[in-house]
C-alpha atoms as a PDB file:
ATOM      1  CA  MET A   1    -144.962 -15.964 -58.458  1.00  0.00           C
ATOM      2  CA  VAL A   2    -143.541 -12.945 -56.670  1.00  0.00           C
ATOM      3  CA  CYS A   3    -145.505 -12.195 -53.514  1.00  0.00           C
ATOM      4  CA  ARG A   4    -144.497  -8.548 -53.536  1.00  0.00           C
ATOM      5  CA  SER A   5    -142.124  -6.647 -55.761  1.00  0.00           C
ATOM      6  CA  ASP A   6    -140.952  -3.078 -55.429  1.00  0.00           C
ATOM      7  CA  ALA A   7    -137.664  -3.546 -57.254  1.00  0.00           C
ATOM      8  CA  ALA A   8    -136.375  -5.183 -60.392  1.00  0.00           C
ATOM      9  CA  PRO A   9    -135.721  -8.903 -59.853  1.00  0.00           C
ATOM     10  CA  VAL A  10    -132.139 -10.047 -59.406  1.00  0.00           C
ATOM     11  CA  ALA A  11    -130.978 -12.838 -61.692  1.00  0.00           C
ATOM     12  CA  PRO A  12    -129.605 -15.936 -59.894  1.00  0.00           C
ATOM     13  CA  GLU A  13    -126.104 -15.218 -61.277  1.00  0.00           C
ATOM     14  CA  GLU A  14    -126.207 -11.663 -59.922  1.00  0.00           C
ATOM     15  CA  GLU A  15    -127.516 -12.941 -56.610  1.00  0.00           C
ATOM     16  CA  ALA A  16    -124.542 -15.315 -56.306  1.00  0.00           C
ATOM     17  CA  VAL A  17    -122.109 -12.472 -57.056  1.00  0.00           C
ATOM     18  CA  LEU A  18    -123.764 -10.311 -54.409  1.00  0.00           C
ATOM     19  CA  ARG A  19    -123.557 -13.133 -51.842  1.00  0.00           C
ATOM     20  CA  ASP A  20    -119.877 -13.676 -52.641  1.00  0.00           C
ATOM     21  CA  ALA A  21    -119.194  -9.937 -52.314  1.00  0.00           C
ATOM     22  CA  VAL A  22    -120.547  -9.897 -48.767  1.00  0.00           C
ATOM     23  CA  GLY A  23    -117.684 -12.153 -47.705  1.00  0.00           C
ATOM     24  CA  GLY A  24    -119.301 -13.751 -44.702  1.00  0.00           C
ATOM     25  CA  PRO A  25    -122.050 -13.495 -42.155  1.00  0.00           C
ATOM     26  CA  PRO A  26    -123.409 -10.066 -41.264  1.00  0.00           C
ATOM     27  CA  ASP A  27    -122.594  -8.292 -38.018  1.00  0.00           C
ATOM     28  CA  PRO A  28    -124.935  -9.683 -35.315  1.00  0.00           C
ATOM     29  CA  ALA A  29    -126.186  -6.143 -34.665  1.00  0.00           C
ATOM     30  CA  THR A  30    -127.326  -5.742 -38.290  1.00  0.00           C
ATOM     31  CA  PRO A  31    -131.117  -5.259 -38.467  1.00  0.00           C
ATOM     32  CA  LEU A  32    -132.908  -8.073 -40.288  1.00  0.00           C
ATOM     33  CA  ALA A  33    -134.474  -5.526 -42.640  1.00  0.00           C
ATOM     34  CA  ASP A  34    -130.981  -4.865 -44.026  1.00  0.00           C
ATOM     35  CA  ILE A  35    -130.327  -8.492 -44.989  1.00  0.00           C
ATOM     36  CA  MET A  36    -133.737 -10.067 -45.622  1.00  0.00           C
ATOM     37  CA  THR A  37    -135.088 -10.901 -49.038  1.00  0.00           C
ATOM     38  CA  LYS A  38    -137.541  -8.203 -50.040  1.00  0.00           C
ATOM     39  CA  ASP A  39    -138.820  -9.681 -53.323  1.00  0.00           C
ATOM     40  CA  VAL A  40    -140.145 -12.967 -52.052  1.00  0.00           C
ATOM     41  CA  VAL A  41    -140.980 -15.743 -54.478  1.00  0.00           C
ATOM     42  CA  CYS A  42    -143.877 -17.816 -53.182  1.00  0.00           C
ATOM     43  CA  VAL A  43    -146.236 -20.515 -54.390  1.00  0.00           C
ATOM     44  CA  ARG A  44    -149.910 -21.302 -53.868  1.00  0.00           C
ATOM     45  CA  ALA A  45    -150.841 -24.487 -52.036  1.00  0.00           C
ATOM     46  CA  ASP A  46    -152.181 -26.091 -55.234  1.00  0.00           C
ATOM     47  CA  VAL A  47    -148.824 -25.976 -57.061  1.00  0.00           C
ATOM     48  CA  ALA A  48    -147.416 -29.436 -57.853  1.00  0.00           C
ATOM     49  CA  ILE A  49    -144.403 -30.606 -55.858  1.00  0.00           C
ATOM     50  CA  ASP A  50    -142.442 -31.105 -59.111  1.00  0.00           C
ATOM     51  CA  VAL A  51    -142.873 -27.414 -59.931  1.00  0.00           C
ATOM     52  CA  VAL A  52    -141.713 -26.420 -56.447  1.00  0.00           C
ATOM     53  CA  ARG A  53    -138.671 -28.707 -56.727  1.00  0.00           C
ATOM     54  CA  GLN A  54    -137.752 -27.192 -60.096  1.00  0.00           C
ATOM     55  CA  LEU A  55    -138.115 -23.661 -58.700  1.00  0.00           C
ATOM     56  CA  MET A  56    -135.899 -24.513 -55.737  1.00  0.00           C
ATOM     57  CA  VAL A  57    -133.212 -26.082 -57.923  1.00  0.00           C
ATOM     58  CA  GLU A  58    -133.209 -23.305 -60.534  1.00  0.00           C
ATOM     59  CA  ARG A  59    -133.177 -20.468 -57.998  1.00  0.00           C
ATOM     60  CA  GLY A  60    -131.102 -22.160 -55.289  1.00  0.00           C
ATOM     61  CA  PHE A  61    -133.848 -21.822 -52.675  1.00  0.00           C
ATOM     62  CA  GLY A  62    -133.865 -23.839 -49.469  1.00  0.00           C
ATOM     63  CA  GLY A  63    -137.537 -23.090 -48.895  1.00  0.00           C
ATOM     64  CA  VAL A  64    -140.494 -21.320 -50.433  1.00  0.00           C
ATOM     65  CA  PRO A  65    -143.388 -19.576 -48.658  1.00  0.00           C
ATOM     66  CA  VAL A  66    -146.837 -20.996 -49.453  1.00  0.00           C
ATOM     67  CA  VAL A  67    -149.755 -18.570 -49.760  1.00  0.00           C
ATOM     68  CA  ASP A  68    -153.496 -18.795 -50.300  1.00  0.00           C
ATOM     69  CA  GLY A  69    -155.409 -17.214 -53.188  1.00  0.00           C
ATOM     70  CA  ASP A  70    -155.316 -13.813 -51.446  1.00  0.00           C
ATOM     71  CA  GLY A  71    -151.547 -13.959 -50.943  1.00  0.00           C
ATOM     72  CA  LYS A  72    -151.821 -14.613 -47.207  1.00  0.00           C
ATOM     73  CA  PRO A  73    -149.121 -16.910 -45.819  1.00  0.00           C
ATOM     74  CA  LEU A  74    -150.045 -20.498 -45.016  1.00  0.00           C
ATOM     75  CA  GLY A  75    -146.590 -21.873 -44.282  1.00  0.00           C
ATOM     76  CA  ILE A  76    -143.254 -22.751 -45.842  1.00  0.00           C
ATOM     77  CA  VAL A  77    -142.268 -25.761 -47.905  1.00  0.00           C
ATOM     78  CA  SER A  78    -138.615 -26.641 -47.317  1.00  0.00           C
ATOM     79  CA  ARG A  79    -136.090 -28.627 -49.315  1.00  0.00           C
ATOM     80  CA  ALA A  80    -136.528 -31.417 -46.740  1.00  0.00           C
ATOM     81  CA  ASP A  81    -140.312 -31.366 -47.305  1.00  0.00           C
ATOM     82  CA  VAL A  82    -139.803 -31.800 -51.057  1.00  0.00           C
ATOM     83  CA  LEU A  83    -137.301 -34.631 -50.602  1.00  0.00           C
ATOM     84  CA  ARG A  84    -139.606 -36.375 -48.117  1.00  0.00           C
ATOM     85  CA  ALA A  85    -142.593 -36.074 -50.481  1.00  0.00           C
ATOM     86  CA  GLU A  86    -140.574 -37.493 -53.371  1.00  0.00           C
ATOM     87  CA  ARG A  87    -139.286 -40.380 -51.214  1.00  0.00           C
ATOM     88  CA  ASP A  88    -142.817 -41.166 -50.065  1.00  0.00           C
ATOM     89  CA  ARG A  89    -144.121 -40.998 -53.634  1.00  0.00           C
ATOM     90  CA  GLU A  90    -141.401 -43.392 -54.849  1.00  0.00           C
ATOM     91  CA  GLY A  91    -142.143 -45.757 -51.947  1.00  0.00           C
ATOM     92  CA  ALA A  92    -145.827 -45.844 -52.904  1.00  0.00           C
ATOM     93  CA  GLU A  93    -145.079 -46.920 -56.480  1.00  0.00           C
END
């Protein structure tokens, strides 16, 4: 789910090329608006952890914003959150 989209989505391969072209971290004086992700992919709180994990792996995300039914932010699920949930699930079996 894209939370907001004003531009055509960038394929993961194109995104990697763009990151490589930057060649390093931005100048510390660069405004965040110039480097932030504008087309944010987010998930609702009722999405299964397996779906979130797959999204993160396929898109190379380290975290995904979580929104309610109206698209309002609730929080962020991180790669560490997913790994912890999977570890806990395996420990319960």
